[in-house]
């Protein structure tokens, strides 16, 4: 089965965003970009192929690029939210006019949104996008080193889960799935 090319953007060039972005950049059908507000981090990644701040000893996949340009969100098919939960909702609200309304939003942040809701619940109320959660008992260091790692996708819509499965197919990241999104977010 031929996979469709995917434009994948990670909001956040920290440990988990860089590690997962690096894995996904290894697939020929994925166009992967790390978005950061830190210009120096972006410049170093693009010139050296290393995220010196978080993984100074790991050469990144040459297909992984970085940017500070918010316009990259307009073309994203899948948008990973890989910034701290305390700033995530405000940041997404500040860039919402740039976000492709059909892009799948995948929450990687641990923590809660607002009004006693999980981040996925809050985004589901506030954004037109399909949303899901990706969590697991794994470490970014294991992922960046291509060690077999497991994550759980919490989804509301099975087609969203299938699209997420497709981008991780044939990588070192193994997924399982649950339609209990709140459970995945809380655990």
Foldseek 3Di string as FASTA:
>chain_A
DDDAAFEEEEADCALQLVLVQLQLLPDPSYQYEYAYCDVVQQVCCLPPQDSCVHGVPARGDNSYHYDNDLLSQQRGQEYEYDDEQVCRVVVCVVSVVNHNLAHEYEYAYADAHPPPHRPQVVCVVVGSYFYKYKADDDGSVCSNVQAQEEIEIAGCDVVVVVVVCVSCPPGSYHYDYDPPRRVSNND
